[in-house]
PDB file of all heavy atoms in Angstrom:
ATOM      1  N   GLU A   1      -7.299 -21.342 -45.635  1.00  0.00           N
ATOM      2  CA  GLU A   1      -6.921 -22.709 -45.220  1.00  0.00           C
ATOM      3  C   GLU A   1      -7.409 -23.065 -43.789  1.00  0.00           C
ATOM      4  O   GLU A   1      -7.863 -24.172 -43.493  1.00  0.00           O
ATOM      5  CB  GLU A   1      -5.350 -22.824 -45.233  1.00  0.00           C
ATOM      6  CG  GLU A   1      -4.796 -22.944 -46.705  1.00  0.00           C
ATOM      7  CD  GLU A   1      -5.173 -24.296 -47.249  1.00  0.00           C
ATOM      8  OE1 GLU A   1      -5.216 -25.324 -46.575  1.00  0.00           O
ATOM      9  OE2 GLU A   1      -5.456 -24.266 -48.460  1.00  0.00           O
ATOM     10  N   VAL A   2      -7.322 -22.028 -42.863  1.00  0.00           N
ATOM     11  CA  VAL A   2      -7.785 -22.276 -41.506  1.00  0.00           C
ATOM     12  C   VAL A   2      -9.248 -22.511 -41.490  1.00  0.00           C
ATOM     13  O   VAL A   2      -9.730 -23.453 -40.790  1.00  0.00           O
ATOM     14  CB  VAL A   2      -7.419 -21.041 -40.624  1.00  0.00           C
ATOM     15  CG1 VAL A   2      -8.130 -21.117 -39.261  1.00  0.00           C
ATOM     16  CG2 VAL A   2      -5.946 -20.956 -40.410  1.00  0.00           C
ATOM     17  N   GLU A   3     -10.028 -21.759 -42.259  1.00  0.00           N
ATOM     18  CA  GLU A   3     -11.517 -22.003 -42.323  1.00  0.00           C
ATOM     19  C   GLU A   3     -11.793 -23.393 -42.885  1.00  0.00           C
ATOM     20  O   GLU A   3     -12.677 -24.067 -42.340  1.00  0.00           O
ATOM     21  CB  GLU A   3     -12.133 -20.953 -43.192  1.00  0.00           C
ATOM     22  CG  GLU A   3     -13.644 -21.017 -43.222  1.00  0.00           C
ATOM     23  CD  GLU A   3     -14.256 -19.879 -44.051  1.00  0.00           C
ATOM     24  OE1 GLU A   3     -13.525 -19.011 -44.508  1.00  0.00           O
ATOM     25  OE2 GLU A   3     -15.508 -19.917 -44.232  1.00  0.00           O
ATOM     26  N   ARG A   4     -11.014 -23.810 -43.913  1.00  0.00           N
ATOM     27  CA  ARG A   4     -11.250 -25.161 -44.442  1.00  0.00           C
ATOM     28  C   ARG A   4     -10.961 -26.238 -43.377  1.00  0.00           C
ATOM     29  O   ARG A   4     -11.733 -27.201 -43.267  1.00  0.00           O
ATOM     30  CB  ARG A   4     -10.360 -25.328 -45.633  1.00  0.00           C
ATOM     31  CG  ARG A   4     -10.460 -26.727 -46.329  1.00  0.00           C
ATOM     32  CD  ARG A   4      -9.524 -26.880 -47.499  1.00  0.00           C
ATOM     33  NE  ARG A   4      -8.156 -26.760 -47.055  1.00  0.00           N
ATOM     34  CZ  ARG A   4      -7.445 -27.689 -46.462  1.00  0.00           C
ATOM     35  NH1 ARG A   4      -8.016 -28.864 -46.226  1.00  0.00           N
ATOM     36  NH2 ARG A   4      -6.162 -27.487 -46.150  1.00  0.00           N
ATOM     37  N   MET A   5      -9.931 -26.053 -42.649  1.00  0.00           N
ATOM     38  CA  MET A   5      -9.550 -26.985 -41.623  1.00  0.00           C
ATOM     39  C   MET A   5     -10.645 -27.096 -40.543  1.00  0.00           C
ATOM     40  O   MET A   5     -11.020 -28.247 -40.100  1.00  0.00           O
ATOM     41  CB  MET A   5      -8.225 -26.615 -40.927  1.00  0.00           C
ATOM     42  CG  MET A   5      -6.997 -26.721 -41.782  1.00  0.00           C
ATOM     43  SD  MET A   5      -5.501 -26.082 -40.961  1.00  0.00           S
ATOM     44  CE  MET A   5      -4.207 -26.508 -42.168  1.00  0.00           C
ATOM     45  N   GLN A   6     -11.219 -25.968 -40.151  1.00  0.00           N
ATOM     46  CA  GLN A   6     -12.177 -25.959 -39.142  1.00  0.00           C
ATOM     47  C   GLN A   6     -13.464 -26.611 -39.624  1.00  0.00           C
ATOM     48  O   GLN A   6     -14.158 -27.357 -38.861  1.00  0.00           O
ATOM     49  CB  GLN A   6     -12.459 -24.532 -38.707  1.00  0.00           C
ATOM     50  CG  GLN A   6     -11.327 -23.921 -37.871  1.00  0.00           C
ATOM     51  CD  GLN A   6     -11.510 -22.486 -37.555  1.00  0.00           C
ATOM     52  OE1 GLN A   6     -12.256 -21.771 -38.253  1.00  0.00           O
ATOM     53  NE2 GLN A   6     -10.832 -21.942 -36.539  1.00  0.00           N
ATOM     54  N   HIS A   7     -13.838 -26.416 -40.911  1.00  0.00           N
ATOM     55  CA  HIS A   7     -15.002 -27.096 -41.454  1.00  0.00           C
ATOM     56  C   HIS A   7     -14.795 -28.571 -41.676  1.00  0.00           C
ATOM     57  O   HIS A   7     -15.783 -29.275 -41.826  1.00  0.00           O
ATOM     58  CB  HIS A   7     -15.420 -26.379 -42.781  1.00  0.00           C
ATOM     59  CG  HIS A   7     -16.213 -25.098 -42.573  1.00  0.00           C
ATOM     60  ND1 HIS A   7     -17.462 -25.095 -42.158  1.00  0.00           N
ATOM     61  CD2 HIS A   7     -15.799 -23.828 -42.640  1.00  0.00           C
ATOM     62  CE1 HIS A   7     -17.876 -23.820 -42.039  1.00  0.00           C
ATOM     63  NE2 HIS A   7     -16.865 -23.006 -42.309  1.00  0.00           N
ATOM     64  N   ALA A   8     -13.592 -28.956 -41.650  1.00  0.00           N
ATOM     65  CA  ALA A   8     -13.235 -30.415 -41.703  1.00  0.00           C
ATOM     66  C   ALA A   8     -13.287 -31.058 -40.317  1.00  0.00           C
ATOM     67  O   ALA A   8     -12.993 -32.224 -40.174  1.00  0.00           O
ATOM     68  CB  ALA A   8     -11.886 -30.644 -42.346  1.00  0.00           C
ATOM     69  N   GLY A   9     -13.643 -30.252 -39.338  1.00  0.00           N
ATOM     70  CA  GLY A   9     -13.774 -30.788 -37.991  1.00  0.00           C
ATOM     71  C   GLY A   9     -12.480 -30.772 -37.174  1.00  0.00           C
ATOM     72  O   GLY A   9     -12.387 -31.491 -36.210  1.00  0.00           O
ATOM     73  N   ALA A  10     -11.502 -29.996 -37.644  1.00  0.00           N
ATOM     74  CA  ALA A  10     -10.216 -30.008 -37.002  1.00  0.00           C
ATOM     75  C   ALA A  10      -9.972 -28.756 -36.169  1.00  0.00           C
ATOM     76  O   ALA A  10     -10.666 -27.725 -36.412  1.00  0.00           O
ATOM     77  CB  ALA A  10      -9.113 -30.169 -38.024  1.00  0.00           C
ATOM     78  N   THR A  11      -9.069 -28.825 -35.198  1.00  0.00           N
ATOM     79  CA  THR A  11      -8.604 -27.660 -34.502  1.00  0.00           C
ATOM     80  C   THR A  11      -7.360 -27.144 -35.156  1.00  0.00           C
ATOM     81  O   THR A  11      -6.399 -27.862 -35.396  1.00  0.00           O
ATOM     82  CB  THR A  11      -8.223 -28.052 -33.010  1.00  0.00           C
ATOM     83  OG1 THR A  11      -9.421 -28.532 -32.381  1.00  0.00           O
ATOM     84  CG2 THR A  11      -7.661 -26.835 -32.280  1.00  0.00           C
ATOM     85  N   ALA A  12      -7.372 -25.882 -35.571  1.00  0.00           N
ATOM     86  CA  ALA A  12      -6.282 -25.276 -36.309  1.00  0.00           C
ATOM     87  C   ALA A  12      -5.353 -24.424 -35.409  1.00  0.00           C
ATOM     88  O   ALA A  12      -5.886 -23.644 -34.630  1.00  0.00           O
ATOM     89  CB  ALA A  12      -6.744 -24.447 -37.452  1.00  0.00           C
ATOM     90  N   VAL A  13      -4.013 -24.621 -35.477  1.00  0.00           N
ATOM     91  CA  VAL A  13      -3.051 -23.842 -34.803  1.00  0.00           C
ATOM     92  C   VAL A  13      -2.156 -23.159 -35.833  1.00  0.00           C
ATOM     93  O   VAL A  13      -1.767 -23.826 -36.815  1.00  0.00           O
ATOM     94  CB  VAL A  13      -2.289 -24.557 -33.735  1.00  0.00           C
ATOM     95  CG1 VAL A  13      -3.192 -24.993 -32.612  1.00  0.00           C
ATOM     96  CG2 VAL A  13      -1.579 -25.783 -34.333  1.00  0.00           C
ATOM     97  N   LEU A  14      -1.818 -21.919 -35.603  1.00  0.00           N
ATOM     98  CA  LEU A  14      -0.933 -21.144 -36.523  1.00  0.00           C
ATOM     99  C   LEU A  14       0.481 -21.123 -35.986  1.00  0.00           C
ATOM    100  O   LEU A  14       0.664 -21.053 -34.787  1.00  0.00           O
ATOM    101  CB  LEU A  14      -1.490 -19.801 -36.749  1.00  0.00           C
ATOM    102  CG  LEU A  14      -2.851 -19.719 -37.518  1.00  0.00           C
ATOM    103  CD1 LEU A  14      -3.485 -18.316 -37.361  1.00  0.00           C
ATOM    104  CD2 LEU A  14      -2.636 -20.036 -38.946  1.00  0.00           C
ATOM    105  N   ILE A  15       1.457 -21.109 -36.865  1.00  0.00           N
ATOM    106  CA  ILE A  15       2.846 -20.942 -36.542  1.00  0.00           C
ATOM    107  C   ILE A  15       3.401 -19.672 -37.166  1.00  0.00           C
ATOM    108  O   ILE A  15       3.254 -19.427 -38.390  1.00  0.00           O
ATOM    109  CB  ILE A  15       3.672 -22.160 -36.979  1.00  0.00           C
ATOM    110  CG1 ILE A  15       3.198 -23.459 -36.261  1.00  0.00           C
ATOM    111  CG2 ILE A  15       5.118 -21.966 -36.680  1.00  0.00           C
ATOM    112  CD1 ILE A  15       2.053 -24.182 -36.955  1.00  0.00           C
ATOM    113  N   GLU A  16       4.103 -18.861 -36.379  1.00  0.00           N
ATOM    114  CA  GLU A  16       4.601 -17.577 -36.798  1.00  0.00           C
ATOM    115  C   GLU A  16       6.071 -17.544 -36.567  1.00  0.00           C
ATOM    116  O   GLU A  16       6.585 -17.954 -35.485  1.00  0.00           O
ATOM    117  CB  GLU A  16       3.881 -16.483 -36.041  1.00  0.00           C
ATOM    118  CG  GLU A  16       4.258 -15.075 -36.440  1.00  0.00           C
ATOM    119  CD  GLU A  16       3.568 -13.999 -35.619  1.00  0.00           C
ATOM    120  OE1 GLU A  16       4.059 -13.740 -34.478  1.00  0.00           O
ATOM    121  OE2 GLU A  16       2.489 -13.572 -36.007  1.00  0.00           O
ATOM    122  N   ASP A  17       6.888 -16.986 -37.528  1.00  0.00           N
ATOM    123  CA  ASP A  17       8.325 -16.814 -37.406  1.00  0.00           C
ATOM    124  C   ASP A  17       8.686 -15.432 -37.721  1.00  0.00           C
ATOM    125  O   ASP A  17       8.458 -14.886 -38.801  1.00  0.00           O
ATOM    126  CB  ASP A  17       9.022 -17.758 -38.454  1.00  0.00           C
ATOM    127  CG  ASP A  17      10.499 -17.815 -38.248  1.00  0.00           C
ATOM    128  OD1 ASP A  17      11.043 -16.953 -37.517  1.00  0.00           O
ATOM    129  OD2 ASP A  17      11.162 -18.656 -38.919  1.00  0.00           O
ATOM    130  N   ASP A  18       9.191 -14.723 -36.657  1.00  0.00           N
ATOM    131  CA  ASP A  18       9.653 -13.347 -36.783  1.00  0.00           C
ATOM    132  C   ASP A  18       8.524 -12.458 -37.287  1.00  0.00           C
ATOM    133  O   ASP A  18       8.759 -11.611 -38.188  1.00  0.00           O
ATOM    134  CB  ASP A  18      10.891 -13.309 -37.685  1.00  0.00           C
ATOM    135  CG  ASP A  18      11.704 -11.968 -37.464  1.00  0.00           C
ATOM    136  OD1 ASP A  18      11.528 -11.410 -36.324  1.00  0.00           O
ATOM    137  OD2 ASP A  18      12.375 -11.587 -38.344  1.00  0.00           O
ATOM    138  N   GLY A  19       7.293 -12.659 -36.759  1.00  0.00           N
ATOM    139  CA  GLY A  19       6.196 -11.806 -37.082  1.00  0.00           C
ATOM    140  C   GLY A  19       5.442 -12.140 -38.341  1.00  0.00           C
ATOM    141  O   GLY A  19       4.398 -11.507 -38.706  1.00  0.00           O
ATOM    142  N   GLN A  20       5.882 -13.208 -39.079  1.00  0.00           N
ATOM    143  CA  GLN A  20       5.235 -13.609 -40.272  1.00  0.00           C
ATOM    144  C   GLN A  20       4.647 -15.029 -40.084  1.00  0.00           C
ATOM    145  O   GLN A  20       5.376 -15.967 -39.702  1.00  0.00           O
ATOM    146  CB  GLN A  20       6.235 -13.628 -41.504  1.00  0.00           C
ATOM    147  CG  GLN A  20       6.794 -12.299 -41.798  1.00  0.00           C
ATOM    148  CD  GLN A  20       5.759 -11.276 -42.296  1.00  0.00           C
ATOM    149  OE1 GLN A  20       4.898 -11.683 -43.091  1.00  0.00           O
ATOM    150  NE2 GLN A  20       5.854 -10.047 -41.877  1.00  0.00           N
ATOM    151  N   VAL A  21       3.364 -15.178 -40.427  1.00  0.00           N
ATOM    152  CA  VAL A  21       2.775 -16.507 -40.331  1.00  0.00           C
ATOM    153  C   VAL A  21       3.329 -17.413 -41.411  1.00  0.00           C
ATOM    154  O   VAL A  21       3.394 -16.986 -42.567  1.00  0.00           O
ATOM    155  CB  VAL A  21       1.220 -16.427 -40.429  1.00  0.00           C
ATOM    156  CG1 VAL A  21       0.760 -15.942 -41.725  1.00  0.00           C
ATOM    157  CG2 VAL A  21       0.620 -17.835 -40.125  1.00  0.00           C
ATOM    158  N   ILE A  22       3.836 -18.610 -41.018  1.00  0.00           N
ATOM    159  CA  ILE A  22       4.459 -19.459 -42.036  1.00  0.00           C
ATOM    160  C   ILE A  22       3.667 -20.748 -42.219  1.00  0.00           C
ATOM    161  O   ILE A  22       3.966 -21.490 -43.198  1.00  0.00           O
ATOM    162  CB  ILE A  22       5.936 -19.824 -41.626  1.00  0.00           C
ATOM    163  CG1 ILE A  22       5.934 -20.612 -40.281  1.00  0.00           C
ATOM    164  CG2 ILE A  22       6.766 -18.573 -41.492  1.00  0.00           C
ATOM    165  CD1 ILE A  22       7.236 -21.218 -39.971  1.00  0.00           C
ATOM    166  N   GLY A  23       2.695 -21.043 -41.382  1.00  0.00           N
ATOM    167  CA  GLY A  23       1.970 -22.311 -41.620  1.00  0.00           C
ATOM    168  C   GLY A  23       0.861 -22.527 -40.578  1.00  0.00           C
ATOM    169  O   GLY A  23       0.762 -21.729 -39.620  1.00  0.00           O
ATOM    170  N   ALA A  24       0.092 -23.508 -40.839  1.00  0.00           N
ATOM    171  CA  ALA A  24      -1.008 -23.884 -39.945  1.00  0.00           C
ATOM    172  C   ALA A  24      -1.075 -25.428 -39.884  1.00  0.00           C
ATOM    173  O   ALA A  24      -0.804 -26.135 -40.887  1.00  0.00           O
ATOM    174  CB  ALA A  24      -2.357 -23.391 -40.507  1.00  0.00           C
ATOM    175  N   VAL A  25      -1.358 -25.940 -38.720  1.00  0.00           N
ATOM    176  CA  VAL A  25      -1.470 -27.362 -38.491  1.00  0.00           C
ATOM    177  C   VAL A  25      -2.886 -27.705 -38.018  1.00  0.00           C
ATOM    178  O   VAL A  25      -3.414 -27.040 -37.105  1.00  0.00           O
ATOM    179  CB  VAL A  25      -0.441 -27.823 -37.424  1.00  0.00           C
ATOM    180  CG1 VAL A  25      -0.608 -29.316 -37.110  1.00  0.00           C
ATOM    181  CG2 VAL A  25       0.985 -27.520 -37.893  1.00  0.00           C
ATOM    182  N   ALA A  26      -3.484 -28.703 -38.663  1.00  0.00           N
ATOM    183  CA  ALA A  26      -4.864 -29.123 -38.279  1.00  0.00           C
ATOM    184  C   ALA A  26      -4.764 -30.451 -37.490  1.00  0.00           C
ATOM    185  O   ALA A  26      -4.166 -31.403 -37.935  1.00  0.00           O
ATOM    186  CB  ALA A  26      -5.708 -29.337 -39.574  1.00  0.00           C
ATOM    187  N   VAL A  27      -5.382 -30.426 -36.331  1.00  0.00           N
ATOM    188  CA  VAL A  27      -5.416 -31.588 -35.448  1.00  0.00           C
ATOM    189  C   VAL A  27      -6.782 -32.067 -35.210  1.00  0.00           C
ATOM    190  O   VAL A  27      -7.670 -31.199 -34.919  1.00  0.00           O
ATOM    191  CB  VAL A  27      -4.678 -31.289 -34.089  1.00  0.00           C
ATOM    192  CG1 VAL A  27      -4.695 -32.505 -33.173  1.00  0.00           C
ATOM    193  CG2 VAL A  27      -3.242 -30.776 -34.321  1.00  0.00           C
ATOM    194  N   ARG A  28      -7.008 -33.300 -35.364  1.00  0.00           N
ATOM    195  CA  ARG A  28      -8.397 -33.808 -35.217  1.00  0.00           C
ATOM    196  C   ARG A  28      -8.385 -35.199 -34.538  1.00  0.00           C
ATOM    197  O   ARG A  28      -7.423 -35.978 -34.751  1.00  0.00           O
ATOM    198  CB  ARG A  28      -9.115 -33.941 -36.561  1.00  0.00           C
ATOM    199  CG  ARG A  28     -10.596 -34.250 -36.454  1.00  0.00           C
ATOM    200  CD  ARG A  28     -11.289 -34.214 -37.799  1.00  0.00           C
ATOM    201  NE  ARG A  28     -10.911 -35.260 -38.725  1.00  0.00           N
ATOM    202  CZ  ARG A  28     -11.455 -35.493 -39.893  1.00  0.00           C
ATOM    203  NH1 ARG A  28     -12.407 -34.695 -40.307  1.00  0.00           N
ATOM    204  NH2 ARG A  28     -11.039 -36.516 -40.647  1.00  0.00           N
ATOM    205  N   ASP A  29      -9.371 -35.479 -33.745  1.00  0.00           N
ATOM    206  CA  ASP A  29      -9.569 -36.764 -33.141  1.00  0.00           C
ATOM    207  C   ASP A  29     -10.162 -37.665 -34.237  1.00  0.00           C
ATOM    208  O   ASP A  29     -11.356 -37.569 -34.560  1.00  0.00           O
ATOM    209  CB  ASP A  29     -10.480 -36.700 -31.903  1.00  0.00           C
ATOM    210  CG  ASP A  29     -10.543 -37.996 -31.112  1.00  0.00           C
ATOM    211  OD1 ASP A  29      -9.736 -38.887 -31.406  1.00  0.00           O
ATOM    212  OD2 ASP A  29     -11.352 -38.059 -30.209  1.00  0.00           O
ATOM    213  N   GLU A  30      -9.350 -38.591 -34.783  1.00  0.00           N
ATOM    214  CA  GLU A  30      -9.791 -39.311 -35.934  1.00  0.00           C
ATOM    215  C   GLU A  30     -10.746 -40.506 -35.577  1.00  0.00           C
ATOM    216  O   GLU A  30     -10.720 -41.038 -34.440  1.00  0.00           O
ATOM    217  CB  GLU A  30      -8.527 -39.928 -36.642  1.00  0.00           C
ATOM    218  CG  GLU A  30      -7.716 -38.916 -37.392  1.00  0.00           C
ATOM    219  CD  GLU A  30      -8.476 -38.387 -38.618  1.00  0.00           C
ATOM    220  OE1 GLU A  30      -9.294 -37.463 -38.448  1.00  0.00           O
ATOM    221  OE2 GLU A  30      -8.316 -38.936 -39.704  1.00  0.00           O
ATOM    222  N   LEU A  31     -11.512 -40.886 -36.579  1.00  0.00           N
ATOM    223  CA  LEU A  31     -12.403 -42.000 -36.438  1.00  0.00           C
ATOM    224  C   LEU A  31     -11.579 -43.282 -36.230  1.00  0.00           C
ATOM    225  O   LEU A  31     -10.489 -43.418 -36.718  1.00  0.00           O
ATOM    226  CB  LEU A  31     -13.282 -42.194 -37.695  1.00  0.00           C
ATOM    227  CG  LEU A  31     -14.439 -41.265 -37.930  1.00  0.00           C
ATOM    228  CD1 LEU A  31     -15.009 -41.470 -39.261  1.00  0.00           C
ATOM    229  CD2 LEU A  31     -15.492 -41.370 -36.822  1.00  0.00           C
ATOM    230  N   ARG A  32     -12.174 -44.263 -35.521  1.00  0.00           N
ATOM    231  CA  ARG A  32     -11.507 -45.546 -35.483  1.00  0.00           C
ATOM    232  C   ARG A  32     -11.515 -46.149 -36.911  1.00  0.00           C
ATOM    233  O   ARG A  32     -12.478 -45.903 -37.683  1.00  0.00           O
ATOM    234  CB  ARG A  32     -12.328 -46.506 -34.563  1.00  0.00           C
ATOM    235  CG  ARG A  32     -12.337 -46.116 -33.112  1.00  0.00           C
ATOM    236  CD  ARG A  32     -13.166 -47.058 -32.250  1.00  0.00           C
ATOM    237  NE  ARG A  32     -13.251 -46.675 -30.875  1.00  0.00           N
ATOM    238  CZ  ARG A  32     -12.356 -46.974 -29.957  1.00  0.00           C
ATOM    239  NH1 ARG A  32     -11.277 -47.650 -30.285  1.00  0.00           N
ATOM    240  NH2 ARG A  32     -12.502 -46.534 -28.728  1.00  0.00           N
ATOM    241  N   PRO A  33     -10.543 -46.905 -37.244  1.00  0.00           N
ATOM    242  CA  PRO A  33     -10.424 -47.372 -38.682  1.00  0.00           C
ATOM    243  C   PRO A  33     -11.588 -48.266 -39.101  1.00  0.00           C
ATOM    244  O   PRO A  33     -11.946 -48.268 -40.272  1.00  0.00           O
ATOM    245  CB  PRO A  33      -9.120 -48.144 -38.677  1.00  0.00           C
ATOM    246  CG  PRO A  33      -8.764 -48.466 -37.228  1.00  0.00           C
ATOM    247  CD  PRO A  33      -9.354 -47.322 -36.459  1.00  0.00           C
ATOM    248  N   GLU A  34     -12.244 -48.893 -38.142  1.00  0.00           N
ATOM    249  CA  GLU A  34     -13.325 -49.791 -38.497  1.00  0.00           C
ATOM    250  C   GLU A  34     -14.712 -49.122 -38.426  1.00  0.00           C
ATOM    251  O   GLU A  34     -15.725 -49.695 -38.737  1.00  0.00           O
ATOM    252  CB  GLU A  34     -13.376 -51.037 -37.578  1.00  0.00           C
ATOM    253  CG  GLU A  34     -13.822 -50.744 -36.112  1.00  0.00           C
ATOM    254  CD  GLU A  34     -12.729 -50.218 -35.199  1.00  0.00           C
ATOM    255  OE1 GLU A  34     -11.649 -49.837 -35.719  1.00  0.00           O
ATOM    256  OE2 GLU A  34     -12.948 -50.192 -34.015  1.00  0.00           O
ATOM    257  N   ALA A  35     -14.711 -47.833 -38.021  1.00  0.00           N
ATOM    258  CA  ALA A  35     -16.028 -47.130 -37.795  1.00  0.00           C
ATOM    259  C   ALA A  35     -16.943 -47.076 -38.999  1.00  0.00           C
ATOM    260  O   ALA A  35     -18.135 -47.336 -38.906  1.00  0.00           O
ATOM    261  CB  ALA A  35     -15.779 -45.719 -37.235  1.00  0.00           C
ATOM    262  N   ARG A  36     -16.364 -46.670 -40.166  1.00  0.00           N
ATOM    263  CA  ARG A  36     -17.175 -46.567 -41.362  1.00  0.00           C
ATOM    264  C   ARG A  36     -17.809 -47.922 -41.747  1.00  0.00           C
ATOM    265  O   ARG A  36     -19.024 -47.983 -42.098  1.00  0.00           O
ATOM    266  CB  ARG A  36     -16.365 -46.045 -42.498  1.00  0.00           C
ATOM    267  CG  ARG A  36     -15.805 -44.649 -42.319  1.00  0.00           C
ATOM    268  CD  ARG A  36     -14.906 -44.217 -43.538  1.00  0.00           C
ATOM    269  NE  ARG A  36     -14.264 -42.968 -43.302  1.00  0.00           N
ATOM    270  CZ  ARG A  36     -13.088 -42.797 -42.676  1.00  0.00           C
ATOM    271  NH1 ARG A  36     -12.446 -43.884 -42.174  1.00  0.00           N
ATOM    272  NH2 ARG A  36     -12.581 -41.631 -42.502  1.00  0.00           N
ATOM    273  N   ASP A  37     -17.006 -48.920 -41.660  1.00  0.00           N
ATOM    274  CA  ASP A  37     -17.555 -50.286 -42.047  1.00  0.00           C
ATOM    275  C   ASP A  37     -18.626 -50.733 -41.040  1.00  0.00           C
ATOM    276  O   ASP A  37     -19.610 -51.307 -41.460  1.00  0.00           O
ATOM    277  CB  ASP A  37     -16.383 -51.286 -42.043  1.00  0.00           C
ATOM    278  CG  ASP A  37     -16.867 -52.690 -42.422  1.00  0.00           C
ATOM    279  OD1 ASP A  37     -17.463 -52.882 -43.568  1.00  0.00           O
ATOM    280  OD2 ASP A  37     -16.646 -53.593 -41.606  1.00  0.00           O
ATOM    281  N   VAL A  38     -18.406 -50.442 -39.773  1.00  0.00           N
ATOM    282  CA  VAL A  38     -19.390 -50.820 -38.801  1.00  0.00           C
ATOM    283  C   VAL A  38     -20.758 -50.119 -39.016  1.00  0.00           C
ATOM    284  O   VAL A  38     -21.819 -50.742 -38.970  1.00  0.00           O
ATOM    285  CB  VAL A  38     -18.854 -50.571 -37.366  1.00  0.00           C
ATOM    286  CG1 VAL A  38     -20.010 -50.662 -36.309  1.00  0.00           C
ATOM    287  CG2 VAL A  38     -17.766 -51.513 -36.975  1.00  0.00           C
TER     288      VAL A  38
END
């Protein structure tokens, strides 16, 4: 999942609870909504 997030152009951060990884969050600087149309 982390590799997929990175190939999507996102920065991935992992969350760990009591020594066990429980999730990952992908953060990305998104395109302006009109960019594709422009």
